[in-house]
C-alpha atoms as a PDB file:
ATOM      1  CA  MET A   1       0.000   0.000   0.000  1.00  0.00           C
ATOM      2  CA  THR A   2       1.234   3.500  -0.812  1.00  0.00           C
ATOM      3  CA  ILE A   3       0.892   6.312   1.718  1.00  0.00           C
ATOM      4  CA  ARG A   4      -1.832   7.813  -0.470  1.00  0.00           C
ATOM      5  CA  GLU A   5      -3.804   4.558  -0.420  1.00  0.00           C
ATOM      6  CA  MET A   6      -3.461   4.364   3.359  1.00  0.00           C
ATOM      7  CA  LEU A   7      -4.778   7.915   3.671  1.00  0.00           C
ATOM      8  CA  GLU A   8      -7.689   7.118   1.353  1.00  0.00           C
ATOM      9  CA  GLU A   9      -8.506   4.073   3.473  1.00  0.00           C
ATOM     10  CA  ARG A  10      -8.403   6.200   6.609  1.00  0.00           C
ATOM     11  CA  GLU A  11     -10.842   8.675   5.020  1.00  0.00           C
ATOM     12  CA  GLU A  12     -13.262   5.829   4.394  1.00  0.00           C
ATOM     13  CA  GLN A  13     -13.006   4.721   8.022  1.00  0.00           C
ATOM     14  CA  ILE A  14     -13.349   8.047   9.825  1.00  0.00           C
ATOM     15  CA  LEU A  15     -15.179  10.522   7.572  1.00  0.00           C
ATOM     16  CA  SER A  16     -18.929  11.062   7.513  1.00  0.00           C
ATOM     17  CA  PRO A  17     -20.924   8.939   5.058  1.00  0.00           C
ATOM     18  CA  TYR A  18     -21.816  12.263   3.412  1.00  0.00           C
ATOM     19  CA  ALA A  19     -18.182  13.395   2.968  1.00  0.00           C
ATOM     20  CA  SER A  20     -16.464  13.493  -0.411  1.00  0.00           C
ATOM     21  CA  LEU A  21     -13.874  10.706  -0.412  1.00  0.00           C
ATOM     22  CA  SER A  22     -10.704  11.412  -2.356  1.00  0.00           C
ATOM     23  CA  LYS A  23     -10.803   8.054  -4.091  1.00  0.00           C
ATOM     24  CA  ASN A  24     -14.323   8.781  -5.389  1.00  0.00           C
ATOM     25  CA  SER A  25     -13.433  12.058  -7.111  1.00  0.00           C
ATOM     26  CA  LYS A  26     -14.852  12.556 -10.586  1.00  0.00           C
ATOM     27  CA  GLY A  27     -11.259  13.253 -11.577  1.00  0.00           C
ATOM     28  CA  ARG A  28      -9.410  15.786 -13.655  1.00  0.00           C
ATOM     29  CA  ASP A  29      -9.962  17.028 -17.200  1.00  0.00           C
ATOM     30  CA  THR A  30      -6.599  15.541 -18.128  1.00  0.00           C
ATOM     31  CA  ASP A  31      -5.671  12.160 -16.652  1.00  0.00           C
ATOM     32  CA  GLU A  32      -2.377  12.024 -14.824  1.00  0.00           C
ATOM     33  CA  PRO A  33      -0.570   9.505 -12.602  1.00  0.00           C
ATOM     34  CA  GLN A  34      -1.621   9.472  -8.955  1.00  0.00           C
ATOM     35  CA  CYS A  35       0.797  10.757  -6.329  1.00  0.00           C
ATOM     36  CA  ASP A  36       2.110   7.992  -4.064  1.00  0.00           C
ATOM     37  CA  ILE A  37       1.874  10.279  -0.997  1.00  0.00           C
ATOM     38  CA  ARG A  38      -1.017  12.746  -1.411  1.00  0.00           C
ATOM     39  CA  PRO A  39      -4.696  12.106  -2.191  1.00  0.00           C
ATOM     40  CA  VAL A  40      -6.138  14.169  -5.036  1.00  0.00           C
ATOM     41  CA  TYR A  41      -7.666  17.004  -3.013  1.00  0.00           C
ATOM     42  CA  GLN A  42      -4.462  17.513  -1.044  1.00  0.00           C
ATOM     43  CA  ARG A  43      -2.579  17.821  -4.332  1.00  0.00           C
ATOM     44  CA  ASP A  44      -5.113  20.420  -5.497  1.00  0.00           C
ATOM     45  CA  ARG A  45      -4.651  22.414  -2.297  1.00  0.00           C
ATOM     46  CA  ASP A  46      -0.891  22.368  -2.780  1.00  0.00           C
ATOM     47  CA  ARG A  47      -1.150  23.438  -6.422  1.00  0.00           C
ATOM     48  CA  ILE A  48      -3.316  26.422  -5.501  1.00  0.00           C
ATOM     49  CA  VAL A  49      -0.981  27.585  -2.719  1.00  0.00           C
ATOM     50  CA  HIS A  50       1.993  27.483  -5.083  1.00  0.00           C
ATOM     51  CA  CYS A  51       0.341  29.236  -8.049  1.00  0.00           C
ATOM     52  CA  LYS A  52       0.972  32.845  -9.076  1.00  0.00           C
ATOM     53  CA  ALA A  53      -2.665  33.921  -8.779  1.00  0.00           C
ATOM     54  CA  PHE A  54      -2.664  32.943  -5.094  1.00  0.00           C
ATOM     55  CA  ARG A  55       0.406  35.063  -4.386  1.00  0.00           C
ATOM     56  CA  ARG A  56      -1.164  38.078  -6.094  1.00  0.00           C
ATOM     57  CA  LEU A  57      -4.052  38.061  -3.596  1.00  0.00           C
ATOM     58  CA  LYS A  58      -1.832  39.761  -1.020  1.00  0.00           C
ATOM     59  CA  ASP A  59      -2.011  43.027  -3.011  1.00  0.00           C
ATOM     60  CA  LYS A  60      -5.694  42.969  -3.929  1.00  0.00           C
ATOM     61  CA  THR A  61      -8.432  44.931  -2.165  1.00  0.00           C
ATOM     62  CA  GLN A  62     -10.900  43.278   0.184  1.00  0.00           C
ATOM     63  CA  VAL A  63     -13.072  46.287   1.167  1.00  0.00           C
ATOM     64  CA  TYR A  64     -10.714  49.223   1.767  1.00  0.00           C
ATOM     65  CA  LEU A  65      -8.827  50.467  -1.293  1.00  0.00           C
ATOM     66  CA  ILE A  66      -5.097  50.657  -0.526  1.00  0.00           C
ATOM     67  CA  PRO A  67      -5.714  51.351   3.185  1.00  0.00           C
ATOM     68  CA  GLU A  68      -3.224  53.199   5.359  1.00  0.00           C
ATOM     69  CA  GLY A  69      -2.305  50.725   8.078  1.00  0.00           C
ATOM     70  CA  ASP A  70      -0.815  47.277   8.421  1.00  0.00           C
ATOM     71  CA  HIS A  71      -3.788  45.421   9.870  1.00  0.00           C
ATOM     72  CA  TYR A  72      -6.598  45.808   7.353  1.00  0.00           C
ATOM     73  CA  ARG A  73      -7.618  42.704   5.457  1.00  0.00           C
ATOM     74  CA  THR A  74      -6.578  42.014   1.893  1.00  0.00           C
ATOM     75  CA  ARG A  75      -8.000  39.460  -0.501  1.00  0.00           C
ATOM     76  CA  LEU A  76      -5.326  37.018   0.724  1.00  0.00           C
ATOM     77  CA  THR A  77      -6.082  37.384   4.430  1.00  0.00           C
ATOM     78  CA  HIS A  78      -9.792  37.052   3.608  1.00  0.00           C
ATOM     79  CA  THR A  79      -9.027  33.807   1.778  1.00  0.00           C
ATOM     80  CA  LEU A  80      -7.055  32.447   4.724  1.00  0.00           C
ATOM     81  CA  GLU A  81      -9.840  33.326   7.157  1.00  0.00           C
ATOM     82  CA  VAL A  82     -12.391  31.595   4.935  1.00  0.00           C
ATOM     83  CA  SER A  83     -10.150  28.538   4.905  1.00  0.00           C
ATOM     84  CA  GLN A  84      -9.768  28.515   8.693  1.00  0.00           C
ATOM     85  CA  ILE A  85     -13.504  28.822   9.330  1.00  0.00           C
ATOM     86  CA  ALA A  86     -14.376  26.224   6.711  1.00  0.00           C
ATOM     87  CA  ARG A  87     -11.818  23.731   7.995  1.00  0.00           C
ATOM     88  CA  THR A  88     -13.091  24.079  11.564  1.00  0.00           C
ATOM     89  CA  ILE A  89     -16.646  23.325  10.433  1.00  0.00           C
ATOM     90  CA  SER A  90     -15.589  20.494   8.146  1.00  0.00           C
ATOM     91  CA  LYS A  91     -13.489  18.834  10.822  1.00  0.00           C
ATOM     92  CA  ALA A  92     -16.363  18.934  13.304  1.00  0.00           C
ATOM     93  CA  LEU A  93     -18.729  17.412  10.709  1.00  0.00           C
ATOM     94  CA  ARG A  94     -16.126  14.807   9.638  1.00  0.00           C
ATOM     95  CA  LEU A  95     -16.033  16.113   6.083  1.00  0.00           C
ATOM     96  CA  ASN A  96     -13.004  16.125   3.789  1.00  0.00           C
ATOM     97  CA  GLU A  97     -10.754  18.925   5.056  1.00  0.00           C
ATOM     98  CA  ASP A  98      -8.417  18.757   2.063  1.00  0.00           C
ATOM     99  CA  LEU A  99     -11.288  19.357  -0.364  1.00  0.00           C
ATOM    100  CA  THR A 100     -12.696  22.098   1.851  1.00  0.00           C
ATOM    101  CA  GLU A 101      -9.344  23.856   2.077  1.00  0.00           C
ATOM    102  CA  ALA A 102      -8.648  23.587  -1.662  1.00  0.00           C
ATOM    103  CA  ILE A 103     -11.987  25.192  -2.505  1.00  0.00           C
ATOM    104  CA  ALA A 104     -11.518  27.921   0.113  1.00  0.00           C
ATOM    105  CA  LEU A 105      -8.002  28.808  -0.998  1.00  0.00           C
ATOM    106  CA  GLY A 106      -9.040  28.919  -4.651  1.00  0.00           C
ATOM    107  CA  HIS A 107     -12.415  30.624  -4.451  1.00  0.00           C
ATOM    108  CA  ASP A 108     -11.158  34.198  -5.115  1.00  0.00           C
ATOM    109  CA  LEU A 109      -8.206  33.548  -7.439  1.00  0.00           C
ATOM    110  CA  GLY A 110     -10.009  35.366 -10.265  1.00  0.00           C
ATOM    111  CA  HIS A 111     -10.750  38.542  -8.335  1.00  0.00           C
ATOM    112  CA  THR A 112      -9.814  41.835  -9.945  1.00  0.00           C
ATOM    113  CA  PRO A 113      -7.733  44.708  -8.617  1.00  0.00           C
ATOM    114  CA  PHE A 114      -9.748  47.031  -6.352  1.00  0.00           C
ATOM    115  CA  GLY A 115     -12.174  44.291  -5.294  1.00  0.00           C
ATOM    116  CA  HIS A 116     -15.744  44.440  -6.499  1.00  0.00           C
ATOM    117  CA  ALA A 117     -15.151  47.888  -8.030  1.00  0.00           C
ATOM    118  CA  GLY A 118     -12.752  46.298 -10.522  1.00  0.00           C
ATOM    119  CA  GLU A 119     -15.169  43.465 -11.142  1.00  0.00           C
ATOM    120  CA  ARG A 120     -18.010  45.910 -11.867  1.00  0.00           C
ATOM    121  CA  ALA A 121     -15.772  47.852 -14.230  1.00  0.00           C
ATOM    122  CA  LEU A 122     -14.773  44.848 -16.356  1.00  0.00           C
ATOM    123  CA  ASN A 123     -18.325  43.501 -16.315  1.00  0.00           C
ATOM    124  CA  SER A 124     -19.586  46.827 -17.643  1.00  0.00           C
ATOM    125  CA  VAL A 125     -17.213  47.004 -20.623  1.00  0.00           C
ATOM    126  CA  CYS A 126     -16.615  43.395 -21.629  1.00  0.00           C
ATOM    127  CA  PRO A 127     -19.426  42.236 -23.953  1.00  0.00           C
ATOM    128  CA  TYR A 128     -19.122  38.723 -22.499  1.00  0.00           C
ATOM    129  CA  GLY A 129     -19.399  39.949 -18.917  1.00  0.00           C
ATOM    130  CA  PHE A 130     -17.001  39.354 -16.072  1.00  0.00           C
ATOM    131  CA  LYS A 131     -17.675  37.470 -12.823  1.00  0.00           C
ATOM    132  CA  HIS A 132     -14.886  36.704 -10.399  1.00  0.00           C
ATOM    133  CA  ASN A 133     -16.113  33.190  -9.583  1.00  0.00           C
ATOM    134  CA  GLU A 134     -16.080  32.231 -13.274  1.00  0.00           C
ATOM    135  CA  GLN A 135     -12.699  33.911 -13.692  1.00  0.00           C
ATOM    136  CA  SER A 136     -11.371  31.929 -10.729  1.00  0.00           C
ATOM    137  CA  VAL A 137     -12.265  28.714 -12.557  1.00  0.00           C
ATOM    138  CA  ARG A 138     -10.754  30.045 -15.783  1.00  0.00           C
ATOM    139  CA  THR A 139      -7.586  30.893 -13.859  1.00  0.00           C
ATOM    140  CA  VAL A 140      -7.086  27.334 -12.622  1.00  0.00           C
ATOM    141  CA  GLU A 141      -8.213  25.710 -15.875  1.00  0.00           C
ATOM    142  CA  LYS A 142      -6.523  27.861 -18.526  1.00  0.00           C
ATOM    143  CA  LEU A 143      -4.359  30.705 -17.252  1.00  0.00           C
ATOM    144  CA  GLU A 144      -1.964  29.258 -14.701  1.00  0.00           C
ATOM    145  CA  LYS A 145       1.266  27.530 -15.697  1.00  0.00           C
ATOM    146  CA  ASP A 146       1.572  29.382 -19.007  1.00  0.00           C
ATOM    147  CA  GLY A 147      -1.829  28.301 -20.269  1.00  0.00           C
ATOM    148  CA  LYS A 148      -1.661  24.696 -19.103  1.00  0.00           C
ATOM    149  CA  GLY A 149      -3.802  25.287 -16.013  1.00  0.00           C
ATOM    150  CA  LEU A 150      -3.562  23.461 -12.693  1.00  0.00           C
ATOM    151  CA  ASN A 151      -5.674  20.485 -13.815  1.00  0.00           C
ATOM    152  CA  LEU A 152      -7.687  20.440 -10.578  1.00  0.00           C
ATOM    153  CA  THR A 153     -10.350  17.883  -9.740  1.00  0.00           C
ATOM    154  CA  TRP A 154     -13.967  18.424 -10.714  1.00  0.00           C
ATOM    155  CA  GLU A 155     -15.089  18.835  -7.088  1.00  0.00           C
ATOM    156  CA  VAL A 156     -12.652  21.670  -6.367  1.00  0.00           C
ATOM    157  CA  ARG A 157     -13.607  23.546  -9.537  1.00  0.00           C
ATOM    158  CA  ASP A 158     -17.310  23.036  -8.756  1.00  0.00           C
ATOM    159  CA  GLY A 159     -16.836  24.515  -5.279  1.00  0.00           C
ATOM    160  CA  ILE A 160     -14.909  27.505  -6.628  1.00  0.00           C
ATOM    161  CA  LEU A 161     -17.512  28.216  -9.300  1.00  0.00           C
ATOM    162  CA  ASN A 162     -20.483  27.937  -6.950  1.00  0.00           C
ATOM    163  CA  HIS A 163     -19.264  29.731  -3.821  1.00  0.00           C
ATOM    164  CA  GLN A 164     -21.558  32.744  -4.283  1.00  0.00           C
ATOM    165  CA  THR A 165     -25.006  33.177  -2.745  1.00  0.00           C
ATOM    166  CA  SER A 166     -26.861  32.723  -6.033  1.00  0.00           C
ATOM    167  CA  ARG A 167     -25.310  29.289  -6.665  1.00  0.00           C
ATOM    168  CA  MET A 168     -25.014  25.971  -4.824  1.00  0.00           C
ATOM    169  CA  PRO A 169     -22.019  23.601  -4.834  1.00  0.00           C
ATOM    170  CA  SER A 170     -22.454  19.888  -5.419  1.00  0.00           C
ATOM    171  CA  THR A 171     -20.484  18.770  -2.342  1.00  0.00           C
ATOM    172  CA  LEU A 172     -21.017  19.423   1.356  1.00  0.00           C
ATOM    173  CA  GLU A 173     -17.450  20.701   1.496  1.00  0.00           C
ATOM    174  CA  GLY A 174     -18.306  23.298  -1.149  1.00  0.00           C
ATOM    175  CA  LYS A 175     -21.423  24.285   0.804  1.00  0.00           C
ATOM    176  CA  VAL A 176     -19.295  24.784   3.911  1.00  0.00           C
ATOM    177  CA  VAL A 177     -16.997  27.149   1.995  1.00  0.00           C
ATOM    178  CA  ARG A 178     -20.001  29.012   0.539  1.00  0.00           C
ATOM    179  CA  LEU A 179     -21.250  29.854   4.060  1.00  0.00           C
ATOM    180  CA  SER A 180     -17.750  30.373   5.465  1.00  0.00           C
ATOM    181  CA  ASP A 181     -17.077  33.042   2.822  1.00  0.00           C
ATOM    182  CA  LYS A 182     -20.026  35.073   4.104  1.00  0.00           C
ATOM    183  CA  ILE A 183     -19.153  34.488   7.749  1.00  0.00           C
ATOM    184  CA  ALA A 184     -15.557  35.564   7.121  1.00  0.00           C
ATOM    185  CA  TYR A 185     -16.366  38.841   5.414  1.00  0.00           C
ATOM    186  CA  ILE A 186     -19.036  39.746   7.970  1.00  0.00           C
ATOM    187  CA  HIS A 187     -16.528  38.989  10.726  1.00  0.00           C
ATOM    188  CA  HIS A 188     -13.484  40.779   9.350  1.00  0.00           C
ATOM    189  CA  ASP A 189     -15.236  43.644   7.569  1.00  0.00           C
ATOM    190  CA  MET A 190     -16.947  44.565  10.852  1.00  0.00           C
ATOM    191  CA  ASP A 191     -13.599  44.325  12.648  1.00  0.00           C
ATOM    192  CA  ASP A 192     -11.923  46.550  10.040  1.00  0.00           C
ATOM    193  CA  ALA A 193     -14.800  49.036  10.164  1.00  0.00           C
ATOM    194  CA  VAL A 194     -14.488  49.355  13.947  1.00  0.00           C
ATOM    195  CA  ARG A 195     -10.693  49.718  13.626  1.00  0.00           C
ATOM    196  CA  GLY A 196     -11.196  52.417  10.998  1.00  0.00           C
ATOM    197  CA  GLY A 197     -13.663  54.373  13.136  1.00  0.00           C
ATOM    198  CA  VAL A 198     -16.508  53.839  10.665  1.00  0.00           C
ATOM    199  CA  LEU A 199     -18.749  52.352  13.353  1.00  0.00           C
ATOM    200  CA  THR A 200     -18.690  50.874  16.849  1.00  0.00           C
ATOM    201  CA  GLU A 201     -19.949  47.568  18.159  1.00  0.00           C
ATOM    202  CA  MET A 202     -22.833  49.378  19.843  1.00  0.00           C
ATOM    203  CA  ASP A 203     -24.013  50.610  16.442  1.00  0.00           C
ATOM    204  CA  VAL A 204     -25.052  47.034  15.642  1.00  0.00           C
ATOM    205  CA  PRO A 205     -28.811  46.754  16.351  1.00  0.00           C
ATOM    206  CA  ALA A 206     -29.629  45.070  19.655  1.00  0.00           C
ATOM    207  CA  SER A 207     -31.821  42.514  17.868  1.00  0.00           C
ATOM    208  CA  ILE A 208     -28.717  41.250  16.042  1.00  0.00           C
ATOM    209  CA  ARG A 209     -26.443  41.372  19.085  1.00  0.00           C
ATOM    210  CA  ASP A 210     -28.951  39.388  21.108  1.00  0.00           C
ATOM    211  CA  VAL A 211     -28.720  36.503  18.635  1.00  0.00           C
ATOM    212  CA  LEU A 212     -25.121  36.641  17.402  1.00  0.00           C
ATOM    213  CA  GLY A 213     -23.230  38.279  20.250  1.00  0.00           C
ATOM    214  CA  SER A 214     -21.589  41.646  20.791  1.00  0.00           C
ATOM    215  CA  THR A 215     -18.001  40.993  19.695  1.00  0.00           C
ATOM    216  CA  PRO A 216     -16.397  39.621  16.514  1.00  0.00           C
ATOM    217  CA  GLY A 217     -15.328  36.511  18.417  1.00  0.00           C
ATOM    218  CA  ASP A 218     -18.816  35.927  19.786  1.00  0.00           C
ATOM    219  CA  ARG A 219     -20.375  36.197  16.335  1.00  0.00           C
ATOM    220  CA  LEU A 220     -17.830  33.877  14.771  1.00  0.00           C
ATOM    221  CA  ASP A 221     -18.392  31.322  17.532  1.00  0.00           C
ATOM    222  CA  THR A 222     -22.167  31.556  17.135  1.00  0.00           C
ATOM    223  CA  PHE A 223     -22.077  31.050  13.376  1.00  0.00           C
ATOM    224  CA  MET A 224     -19.775  28.032  13.505  1.00  0.00           C
ATOM    225  CA  HIS A 225     -21.546  26.305  16.383  1.00  0.00           C
ATOM    226  CA  ASP A 226     -24.935  26.882  14.766  1.00  0.00           C
ATOM    227  CA  ILE A 227     -23.859  25.358  11.441  1.00  0.00           C
ATOM    228  CA  ILE A 228     -22.235  22.370  13.132  1.00  0.00           C
ATOM    229  CA  THR A 229     -25.216  21.733  15.417  1.00  0.00           C
ATOM    230  CA  ASN A 230     -27.767  21.992  12.613  1.00  0.00           C
ATOM    231  CA  SER A 231     -25.768  19.992  10.047  1.00  0.00           C
ATOM    232  CA  LYS A 232     -24.686  16.999  12.159  1.00  0.00           C
ATOM    233  CA  GLU A 233     -25.482  13.664  10.546  1.00  0.00           C
ATOM    234  CA  LYS A 234     -27.265  15.408   7.671  1.00  0.00           C
ATOM    235  CA  ASN A 235     -26.624  15.402   3.950  1.00  0.00           C
ATOM    236  CA  ASP A 236     -26.778  19.200   3.979  1.00  0.00           C
ATOM    237  CA  ILE A 237     -25.116  22.259   5.477  1.00  0.00           C
ATOM    238  CA  CYS A 238     -27.554  24.588   7.169  1.00  0.00           C
ATOM    239  CA  MET A 239     -28.186  27.147   9.898  1.00  0.00           C
ATOM    240  CA  SER A 240     -31.080  27.576  12.294  1.00  0.00           C
ATOM    241  CA  ASP A 241     -33.726  30.034  11.156  1.00  0.00           C
ATOM    242  CA  GLY A 242     -32.856  32.488  13.923  1.00  0.00           C
ATOM    243  CA  VAL A 243     -29.143  32.667  13.129  1.00  0.00           C
ATOM    244  CA  MET A 244     -29.751  32.699   9.370  1.00  0.00           C
ATOM    245  CA  ASN A 245     -32.132  35.649   9.734  1.00  0.00           C
ATOM    246  CA  ALA A 246     -29.659  37.460  11.992  1.00  0.00           C
ATOM    247  CA  MET A 247     -26.944  36.829   9.395  1.00  0.00           C
ATOM    248  CA  LYS A 248     -29.125  38.410   6.710  1.00  0.00           C
ATOM    249  CA  ASP A 249     -29.807  41.350   9.002  1.00  0.00           C
ATOM    250  CA  ILE A 250     -26.152  41.996   9.803  1.00  0.00           C
ATOM    251  CA  ARG A 251     -25.248  41.731   6.098  1.00  0.00           C
ATOM    252  CA  GLN A 252     -27.898  44.351   5.358  1.00  0.00           C
ATOM    253  CA  PHE A 253     -26.529  46.492   8.194  1.00  0.00           C
ATOM    254  CA  MET A 254     -23.023  46.190   6.735  1.00  0.00           C
ATOM    255  CA  PHE A 255     -24.235  47.163   3.262  1.00  0.00           C
ATOM    256  CA  GLU A 256     -25.914  50.256   4.659  1.00  0.00           C
ATOM    257  CA  ARG A 257     -23.110  51.339   7.006  1.00  0.00           C
ATOM    258  CA  VAL A 258     -19.928  50.027   5.370  1.00  0.00           C
ATOM    259  CA  TYR A 259     -20.184  48.593   1.850  1.00  0.00           C
ATOM    260  CA  THR A 260     -22.019  51.642   0.476  1.00  0.00           C
ATOM    261  CA  ASN A 261     -20.506  54.186   2.890  1.00  0.00           C
ATOM    262  CA  PRO A 262     -19.487  57.223   0.781  1.00  0.00           C
ATOM    263  CA  ASP A 263     -16.423  57.895   2.952  1.00  0.00           C
ATOM    264  CA  ILE A 264     -15.118  54.360   2.370  1.00  0.00           C
ATOM    265  CA  LYS A 265     -16.170  54.127  -1.250  1.00  0.00           C
ATOM    266  CA  SER A 266     -15.166  57.638  -2.342  1.00  0.00           C
ATOM    267  CA  GLU A 267     -12.215  56.318  -4.360  1.00  0.00           C
ATOM    268  CA  GLU A 268     -14.056  53.458  -6.060  1.00  0.00           C
ATOM    269  CA  GLY A 269     -15.206  55.619  -8.973  1.00  0.00           C
ATOM    270  CA  LYS A 270     -11.568  56.436  -9.716  1.00  0.00           C
ATOM    271  CA  ALA A 271     -10.658  52.739  -9.465  1.00  0.00           C
ATOM    272  CA  GLU A 272     -13.417  51.774 -11.913  1.00  0.00           C
ATOM    273  CA  THR A 273     -12.289  54.490 -14.351  1.00  0.00           C
ATOM    274  CA  LEU A 274      -8.702  53.254 -14.079  1.00  0.00           C
ATOM    275  CA  VAL A 275      -9.687  49.640 -14.837  1.00  0.00           C
ATOM    276  CA  ILE A 276     -11.917  50.655 -17.756  1.00  0.00           C
ATOM    277  CA  THR A 277      -9.158  52.863 -19.160  1.00  0.00           C
ATOM    278  CA  LEU A 278      -6.668  49.983 -19.032  1.00  0.00           C
ATOM    279  CA  TYR A 279      -9.190  47.673 -20.694  1.00  0.00           C
ATOM    280  CA  ASP A 280      -9.796  50.190 -23.508  1.00  0.00           C
ATOM    281  CA  TYR A 281      -6.072  50.752 -23.969  1.00  0.00           C
ATOM    282  CA  TYR A 282      -5.248  47.075 -24.424  1.00  0.00           C
ATOM    283  CA  MET A 283      -8.270  46.536 -26.672  1.00  0.00           C
ATOM    284  CA  ASN A 284      -6.870  49.255 -28.920  1.00  0.00           C
ATOM    285  CA  HIS A 285      -3.264  48.112 -28.509  1.00  0.00           C
ATOM    286  CA  PRO A 286      -3.316  44.293 -28.239  1.00  0.00           C
ATOM    287  CA  ASP A 287       0.319  44.280 -29.346  1.00  0.00           C
ATOM    288  CA  LYS A 288       1.156  45.758 -25.927  1.00  0.00           C
ATOM    289  CA  LEU A 289      -0.228  42.746 -24.080  1.00  0.00           C
ATOM    290  CA  PRO A 290       2.238  40.234 -22.615  1.00  0.00           C
ATOM    291  CA  GLU A 291       3.344  37.459 -24.950  1.00  0.00           C
ATOM    292  CA  GLU A 292       1.124  34.792 -23.357  1.00  0.00           C
ATOM    293  CA  ASN A 293      -2.026  36.899 -23.840  1.00  0.00           C
ATOM    294  CA  ARG A 294      -1.081  37.692 -27.428  1.00  0.00           C
ATOM    295  CA  ARG A 295      -0.527  34.002 -28.047  1.00  0.00           C
ATOM    296  CA  MET A 296      -4.029  33.199 -26.754  1.00  0.00           C
ATOM    297  CA  ILE A 297      -5.539  35.677 -29.225  1.00  0.00           C
ATOM    298  CA  ALA A 298      -3.462  34.197 -32.059  1.00  0.00           C
ATOM    299  CA  GLU A 299      -4.806  30.760 -31.116  1.00  0.00           C
ATOM    300  CA  GLY A 300      -8.407  31.961 -31.390  1.00  0.00           C
ATOM    301  CA  GLU A 301      -9.285  33.480 -28.027  1.00  0.00           C
ATOM    302  CA  LYS A 302     -11.557  36.533 -28.171  1.00  0.00           C
ATOM    303  CA  PRO A 303      -9.487  39.715 -27.612  1.00  0.00           C
ATOM    304  CA  GLU A 304     -11.988  40.964 -25.028  1.00  0.00           C
ATOM    305  CA  ILE A 305     -11.458  37.827 -22.931  1.00  0.00           C
ATOM    306  CA  ALA A 306      -7.673  37.974 -23.242  1.00  0.00           C
ATOM    307  CA  VAL A 307      -7.656  41.615 -22.153  1.00  0.00           C
ATOM    308  CA  CYS A 308      -9.865  40.792 -19.155  1.00  0.00           C
ATOM    309  CA  ASP A 309      -7.473  37.977 -18.289  1.00  0.00           C
ATOM    310  CA  TYR A 310      -4.590  40.447 -18.140  1.00  0.00           C
ATOM    311  CA  VAL A 311      -6.243  43.458 -16.514  1.00  0.00           C
ATOM    312  CA  GLY A 312      -8.303  41.328 -14.146  1.00  0.00           C
ATOM    313  CA  ALA A 313      -5.214  39.532 -12.871  1.00  0.00           C
ATOM    314  CA  MET A 314      -3.410  42.757 -11.925  1.00  0.00           C
ATOM    315  CA  THR A 315      -2.846  43.677  -8.307  1.00  0.00           C
ATOM    316  CA  ASP A 316      -3.981  47.098  -7.103  1.00  0.00           C
ATOM    317  CA  ARG A 317      -0.418  48.365  -7.077  1.00  0.00           C
ATOM    318  CA  PHE A 318       0.502  47.010 -10.509  1.00  0.00           C
ATOM    319  CA  ALA A 319      -2.684  48.446 -12.039  1.00  0.00           C
ATOM    320  CA  ILE A 320      -1.831  51.896 -10.676  1.00  0.00           C
ATOM    321  CA  LEU A 321       1.786  51.647 -11.846  1.00  0.00           C
ATOM    322  CA  THR A 322       0.666  50.536 -15.303  1.00  0.00           C
ATOM    323  CA  TYR A 323      -1.873  53.354 -15.535  1.00  0.00           C
ATOM    324  CA  ASN A 324       0.733  55.919 -14.466  1.00  0.00           C
ATOM    325  CA  ASP A 325       3.237  54.554 -16.946  1.00  0.00           C
ATOM    326  CA  LEU A 326       0.731  54.740 -19.819  1.00  0.00           C
ATOM    327  CA  PHE A 327      -1.163  57.950 -19.065  1.00  0.00           C
ATOM    328  CA  VAL A 328       0.622  60.178 -16.537  1.00  0.00           C
ATOM    329  CA  PRO A 329       3.343  62.444 -17.991  1.00  0.00           C
ATOM    330  CA  LYS A 330       6.812  61.970 -16.615  1.00  0.00           C
ATOM    331  CA  SER A 331       9.226  64.762 -15.746  1.00  0.00           C
ATOM    332  CA  TRP A 332      11.735  65.480 -18.510  1.00  0.00           C
ATOM    333  CA  GLU A 333      15.315  65.329 -17.343  1.00  0.00           C
ATOM    334  CA  MET A 334      18.040  67.273 -19.144  1.00  0.00           C
ATOM    335  CA  ILE A 335      21.110  65.175 -19.863  1.00  0.00           C
END
């Protein structure tokens, strides 16, 4: 028996009957030899952690555009918090932690610079639309490793694609990540808002505090315990009605006080204009795209998609530097 086979056997012995067993994966688009040490979902997790798109998340906006301060969340820290929450829930429910973690770490790989402002900008100008969950799948299937992709399993790609509210993953592990994503951003966006002086804990309506608690830690504990308690021995991942309603209420509160706050979002219009300007520039000058994007167009890819691939993959900082290089005059120096 290889180490991988021993691990697969252990999964079968200890995981829930509703868990996704590694040996039962629907597989990869391209067949490849099995690893003798790691089951398939562990390999997927490792591939995501080592890919370029994952590293770029450290310089992409979560909520605050290029915040002054070392402790505000970025898209990378958000991803890690989603992974931590999802793994805690999955472990308690005896689900497949490797699959859960792979989905969590990969769910935002296709996010644009400047967060949802960048996503809105590309969606408004690209005739084929732009959604970060679909771009995350495209990133792992076609863009990484010089166009070869990461060749991830079907279950991981399904979880990445369907992590948003309007969709539903096919595995319980994917459903855990879908809820953990919402829990994470409610948790850390509230924490960042308090740190930034946008609101205080006492601004949260008493009806919400009575159900979820009055601190970030209390709310996080309530959400996780409620999901675990209500999902035990079930072929579903769910919350109690009371906590689910409180979650909807606090999300609405956050939209009103934080996500649409004019003081926080005052720079988003500039960010959208910057992204649209870069998109228009590369549509008019495809010869200025990097070689790999030009190659994709030569091989039949639509120019609009190739330009979105390039601009959408930029970090906040690189997008600003590129914009300045293309459109902001430089001082002339006399030799």
